[in-house]
């Protein structure tokens, strides 16, 4: 196992245990993250996002596989999160492909790719099924996620 694979295993093993502090430690202080729900986040925001998701997790489980170190700087893996979305109480199984850029033993760039319409059908029910494909609904999902993260970050530590 090379250094990149070890870092990714450390990150997702911590995620399985909802250990956000270890997850946060895997990121560089200059890291950026993006996914279809939250959009682009800076290092401070992504670290807060993992804390928020871990502390609010309900009926959570995670598997990961197929870790591939592509070169000296890039790696990918597949992961699946299963959980109950706290806002709606709906069951979600989200299959994700992670793309990570690693520098000096830390994640400097992290992009998670998944089908937002598939996620919205599970997470939001009928409104996600009917409108989750639309730019309007996807924009609303993104706006609400960012708003929730900002609210979480404003809470006293």
C-alpha atoms as a PDB file:
ATOM      1  CA  UNK A   1       0.000   0.000   0.000  1.00  0.00           C
ATOM      2  CA  UNK A   2       1.440   3.364  -0.979  1.00  0.00           C
ATOM      3  CA  UNK A   3       1.211   6.664   0.895  1.00  0.00           C
ATOM      4  CA  UNK A   4      -1.878   7.892  -1.009  1.00  0.00           C
ATOM      5  CA  UNK A   5      -3.769   4.654  -0.421  1.00  0.00           C
ATOM      6  CA  UNK A   6      -2.894   4.779   3.285  1.00  0.00           C
ATOM      7  CA  UNK A   7      -4.225   8.356   3.552  1.00  0.00           C
ATOM      8  CA  UNK A   8      -7.472   7.456   1.796  1.00  0.00           C
ATOM      9  CA  UNK A   9      -7.925   4.380   4.006  1.00  0.00           C
ATOM     10  CA  UNK A  10      -7.310   6.546   7.079  1.00  0.00           C
ATOM     11  CA  UNK A  11      -9.883   9.098   5.878  1.00  0.00           C
ATOM     12  CA  UNK A  12     -12.662   6.613   5.067  1.00  0.00           C
ATOM     13  CA  UNK A  13     -12.007   4.417   8.103  1.00  0.00           C
ATOM     14  CA  UNK A  14     -12.403   7.550  10.235  1.00  0.00           C
ATOM     15  CA  UNK A  15     -15.592   8.364   8.326  1.00  0.00           C
ATOM     16  CA  UNK A  16     -16.945   4.873   9.038  1.00  0.00           C
ATOM     17  CA  UNK A  17     -16.414   5.643  12.727  1.00  0.00           C
ATOM     18  CA  UNK A  18     -17.806   9.200  12.379  1.00  0.00           C
ATOM     19  CA  UNK A  19     -14.424  10.474  13.590  1.00  0.00           C
ATOM     20  CA  UNK A  20     -14.512  13.921  12.015  1.00  0.00           C
ATOM     21  CA  UNK A  21     -11.326  15.091  13.800  1.00  0.00           C
ATOM     22  CA  UNK A  22      -9.242  12.454  12.014  1.00  0.00           C
ATOM     23  CA  UNK A  23     -11.009  13.255   8.737  1.00  0.00           C
ATOM     24  CA  UNK A  24     -10.219  16.947   9.189  1.00  0.00           C
ATOM     25  CA  UNK A  25      -6.579  16.101   9.892  1.00  0.00           C
ATOM     26  CA  UNK A  26      -6.326  14.432   6.467  1.00  0.00           C
ATOM     27  CA  UNK A  27      -6.832  17.812   4.749  1.00  0.00           C
ATOM     28  CA  UNK A  28      -4.301  20.508   4.004  1.00  0.00           C
ATOM     29  CA  UNK A  29      -5.057  23.965   5.384  1.00  0.00           C
ATOM     30  CA  UNK A  30      -5.352  25.111   1.740  1.00  0.00           C
ATOM     31  CA  UNK A  31      -7.678  22.299   0.627  1.00  0.00           C
ATOM     32  CA  UNK A  32     -10.715  22.720  -1.591  1.00  0.00           C
ATOM     33  CA  UNK A  33     -13.672  20.354  -1.878  1.00  0.00           C
ATOM     34  CA  UNK A  34     -16.650  20.098  -4.173  1.00  0.00           C
ATOM     35  CA  UNK A  35     -19.675  17.888  -4.616  1.00  0.00           C
ATOM     36  CA  UNK A  36     -23.124  18.244  -6.203  1.00  0.00           C
ATOM     37  CA  UNK A  37     -24.843  19.143  -2.904  1.00  0.00           C
ATOM     38  CA  UNK A  38     -22.473  21.641  -1.263  1.00  0.00           C
ATOM     39  CA  UNK A  39     -20.654  22.946  -4.320  1.00  0.00           C
ATOM     40  CA  UNK A  40     -17.184  24.408  -3.837  1.00  0.00           C
ATOM     41  CA  UNK A  41     -15.894  24.668  -0.256  1.00  0.00           C
ATOM     42  CA  UNK A  42     -12.623  25.987   1.145  1.00  0.00           C
ATOM     43  CA  UNK A  43     -10.634  24.095   3.805  1.00  0.00           C
ATOM     44  CA  UNK A  44     -12.427  25.726   6.738  1.00  0.00           C
ATOM     45  CA  UNK A  45     -15.824  24.929   5.255  1.00  0.00           C
ATOM     46  CA  UNK A  46     -15.000  21.338   4.287  1.00  0.00           C
ATOM     47  CA  UNK A  47     -13.677  20.581   7.760  1.00  0.00           C
ATOM     48  CA  UNK A  48     -16.878  22.025   9.237  1.00  0.00           C
ATOM     49  CA  UNK A  49     -18.985  20.059   6.744  1.00  0.00           C
ATOM     50  CA  UNK A  50     -17.477  16.731   7.863  1.00  0.00           C
ATOM     51  CA  UNK A  51     -18.031  17.686  11.513  1.00  0.00           C
ATOM     52  CA  UNK A  52     -21.647  18.619  10.760  1.00  0.00           C
ATOM     53  CA  UNK A  53     -22.316  15.434   8.796  1.00  0.00           C
ATOM     54  CA  UNK A  54     -20.673  13.193  11.404  1.00  0.00           C
ATOM     55  CA  UNK A  55     -22.370  14.770  14.408  1.00  0.00           C
ATOM     56  CA  UNK A  56     -25.803  14.716  12.733  1.00  0.00           C
ATOM     57  CA  UNK A  57     -25.504  11.213  11.208  1.00  0.00           C
ATOM     58  CA  UNK A  58     -28.436   8.853  11.745  1.00  0.00           C
ATOM     59  CA  UNK A  59     -28.459   5.145  10.857  1.00  0.00           C
ATOM     60  CA  UNK A  60     -25.116   5.710   9.113  1.00  0.00           C
ATOM     61  CA  UNK A  61     -22.870   3.169   7.458  1.00  0.00           C
ATOM     62  CA  UNK A  62     -20.146   3.524   4.872  1.00  0.00           C
ATOM     63  CA  UNK A  63     -18.170   1.208   2.635  1.00  0.00           C
ATOM     64  CA  UNK A  64     -15.260   2.104   0.394  1.00  0.00           C
ATOM     65  CA  UNK A  65     -13.307   0.219  -2.249  1.00  0.00           C
ATOM     66  CA  UNK A  66     -11.260   0.399  -5.411  1.00  0.00           C
ATOM     67  CA  UNK A  67      -8.626   2.825  -4.136  1.00  0.00           C
ATOM     68  CA  UNK A  68      -6.353   3.725  -7.042  1.00  0.00           C
ATOM     69  CA  UNK A  69      -3.273   5.873  -6.917  1.00  0.00           C
ATOM     70  CA  UNK A  70      -3.156   7.407 -10.389  1.00  0.00           C
ATOM     71  CA  UNK A  71       0.221   9.142 -10.103  1.00  0.00           C
ATOM     72  CA  UNK A  72       2.296  11.103  -7.572  1.00  0.00           C
ATOM     73  CA  UNK A  73      -0.530  13.565  -6.926  1.00  0.00           C
ATOM     74  CA  UNK A  74      -3.904  11.966  -7.715  1.00  0.00           C
ATOM     75  CA  UNK A  75      -5.968   9.090  -6.363  1.00  0.00           C
ATOM     76  CA  UNK A  76      -9.557   7.886  -6.619  1.00  0.00           C
ATOM     77  CA  UNK A  77     -11.879   5.529  -4.812  1.00  0.00           C
ATOM     78  CA  UNK A  78     -15.494   4.430  -4.715  1.00  0.00           C
ATOM     79  CA  UNK A  79     -17.551   4.831  -1.579  1.00  0.00           C
ATOM     80  CA  UNK A  80     -21.156   4.291  -0.585  1.00  0.00           C
ATOM     81  CA  UNK A  81     -22.896   6.068   2.279  1.00  0.00           C
ATOM     82  CA  UNK A  82     -26.151   4.734   3.699  1.00  0.00           C
ATOM     83  CA  UNK A  83     -28.025   6.952   6.138  1.00  0.00           C
ATOM     84  CA  UNK A  84     -31.266   8.594   7.177  1.00  0.00           C
ATOM     85  CA  UNK A  85     -31.338  12.232   6.094  1.00  0.00           C
ATOM     86  CA  UNK A  86     -32.035  14.149   9.298  1.00  0.00           C
ATOM     87  CA  UNK A  87     -34.030  16.923   7.615  1.00  0.00           C
ATOM     88  CA  UNK A  88     -36.547  14.606   5.890  1.00  0.00           C
ATOM     89  CA  UNK A  89     -36.193  11.305   7.759  1.00  0.00           C
ATOM     90  CA  UNK A  90     -35.761   9.544   4.408  1.00  0.00           C
ATOM     91  CA  UNK A  91     -33.392   6.606   3.767  1.00  0.00           C
ATOM     92  CA  UNK A  92     -30.547   7.353   1.323  1.00  0.00           C
ATOM     93  CA  UNK A  93     -27.968   5.114  -0.336  1.00  0.00           C
ATOM     94  CA  UNK A  94     -25.470   7.325  -2.159  1.00  0.00           C
ATOM     95  CA  UNK A  95     -22.798   5.815  -4.438  1.00  0.00           C
ATOM     96  CA  UNK A  96     -19.904   8.202  -4.898  1.00  0.00           C
ATOM     97  CA  UNK A  97     -16.651   8.391  -6.851  1.00  0.00           C
ATOM     98  CA  UNK A  98     -14.011  10.435  -5.017  1.00  0.00           C
ATOM     99  CA  UNK A  99     -11.165  12.153  -6.831  1.00  0.00           C
ATOM    100  CA  UNK A 100      -8.393  13.425  -4.570  1.00  0.00           C
ATOM    101  CA  UNK A 101      -5.281  15.466  -5.109  1.00  0.00           C
ATOM    102  CA  UNK A 102      -2.654  14.791  -2.455  1.00  0.00           C
ATOM    103  CA  UNK A 103       0.331  16.939  -1.600  1.00  0.00           C
ATOM    104  CA  UNK A 104       2.778  16.485   1.293  1.00  0.00           C
ATOM    105  CA  UNK A 105       0.683  13.674   2.776  1.00  0.00           C
ATOM    106  CA  UNK A 106      -2.536  15.728   2.933  1.00  0.00           C
ATOM    107  CA  UNK A 107      -5.606  16.102   0.714  1.00  0.00           C
ATOM    108  CA  UNK A 108      -5.327  19.396  -1.144  1.00  0.00           C
ATOM    109  CA  UNK A 109      -8.233  18.826  -3.548  1.00  0.00           C
ATOM    110  CA  UNK A 110     -11.259  16.547  -3.160  1.00  0.00           C
ATOM    111  CA  UNK A 111     -14.155  16.175  -5.576  1.00  0.00           C
ATOM    112  CA  UNK A 112     -17.025  13.772  -4.940  1.00  0.00           C
ATOM    113  CA  UNK A 113     -19.141  12.892  -7.966  1.00  0.00           C
ATOM    114  CA  UNK A 114     -22.587  11.334  -7.785  1.00  0.00           C
ATOM    115  CA  UNK A 115     -25.973  11.524  -9.471  1.00  0.00           C
ATOM    116  CA  UNK A 116     -27.770  14.421  -7.753  1.00  0.00           C
ATOM    117  CA  UNK A 117     -31.127  13.464  -9.240  1.00  0.00           C
ATOM    118  CA  UNK A 118     -30.794   9.944  -7.833  1.00  0.00           C
ATOM    119  CA  UNK A 119     -29.815  11.421  -4.447  1.00  0.00           C
ATOM    120  CA  UNK A 120     -32.737  13.892  -4.510  1.00  0.00           C
ATOM    121  CA  UNK A 121     -35.284  11.153  -5.330  1.00  0.00           C
ATOM    122  CA  UNK A 122     -34.191   9.291  -2.205  1.00  0.00           C
ATOM    123  CA  UNK A 123     -33.613  12.294   0.057  1.00  0.00           C
ATOM    124  CA  UNK A 124     -36.616  14.423  -0.933  1.00  0.00           C
ATOM    125  CA  UNK A 125     -39.178  11.899  -2.150  1.00  0.00           C
ATOM    126  CA  UNK A 126     -41.757  12.945  -4.730  1.00  0.00           C
ATOM    127  CA  UNK A 127     -40.395  16.490  -5.197  1.00  0.00           C
ATOM    128  CA  UNK A 128     -36.939  15.050  -5.847  1.00  0.00           C
ATOM    129  CA  UNK A 129     -38.386  12.505  -8.270  1.00  0.00           C
ATOM    130  CA  UNK A 130     -40.349  15.090 -10.223  1.00  0.00           C
ATOM    131  CA  UNK A 131     -37.975  18.047 -10.104  1.00  0.00           C
ATOM    132  CA  UNK A 132     -34.564  16.783  -8.899  1.00  0.00           C
ATOM    133  CA  UNK A 133     -33.224  16.789 -12.442  1.00  0.00           C
ATOM    134  CA  UNK A 134     -33.966  20.507 -12.900  1.00  0.00           C
ATOM    135  CA  UNK A 135     -31.484  23.322 -12.481  1.00  0.00           C
ATOM    136  CA  UNK A 136     -33.999  25.065 -10.217  1.00  0.00           C
ATOM    137  CA  UNK A 137     -34.239  22.130  -7.760  1.00  0.00           C
ATOM    138  CA  UNK A 138     -30.508  21.428  -7.867  1.00  0.00           C
ATOM    139  CA  UNK A 139     -29.843  25.106  -7.155  1.00  0.00           C
ATOM    140  CA  UNK A 140     -32.269  24.972  -4.231  1.00  0.00           C
ATOM    141  CA  UNK A 141     -30.545  21.852  -2.843  1.00  0.00           C
ATOM    142  CA  UNK A 142     -27.163  23.570  -3.119  1.00  0.00           C
ATOM    143  CA  UNK A 143     -28.433  26.810  -1.537  1.00  0.00           C
ATOM    144  CA  UNK A 144     -30.052  24.963   1.393  1.00  0.00           C
ATOM    145  CA  UNK A 145     -26.931  22.868   1.997  1.00  0.00           C
ATOM    146  CA  UNK A 146     -24.689  25.951   2.054  1.00  0.00           C
ATOM    147  CA  UNK A 147     -27.137  27.761   4.331  1.00  0.00           C
ATOM    148  CA  UNK A 148     -27.196  24.789   6.721  1.00  0.00           C
ATOM    149  CA  UNK A 149     -23.400  24.665   6.757  1.00  0.00           C
ATOM    150  CA  UNK A 150     -23.133  28.404   7.463  1.00  0.00           C
ATOM    151  CA  UNK A 151     -25.623  28.055  10.300  1.00  0.00           C
ATOM    152  CA  UNK A 152     -23.656  25.106  11.737  1.00  0.00           C
ATOM    153  CA  UNK A 153     -20.388  27.054  11.488  1.00  0.00           C
ATOM    154  CA  UNK A 154     -21.943  29.990  13.377  1.00  0.00           C
ATOM    155  CA  UNK A 155     -22.747  27.791  16.402  1.00  0.00           C
ATOM    156  CA  UNK A 156     -20.451  28.162  19.403  1.00  0.00           C
ATOM    157  CA  UNK A 157     -17.754  25.489  19.511  1.00  0.00           C
END
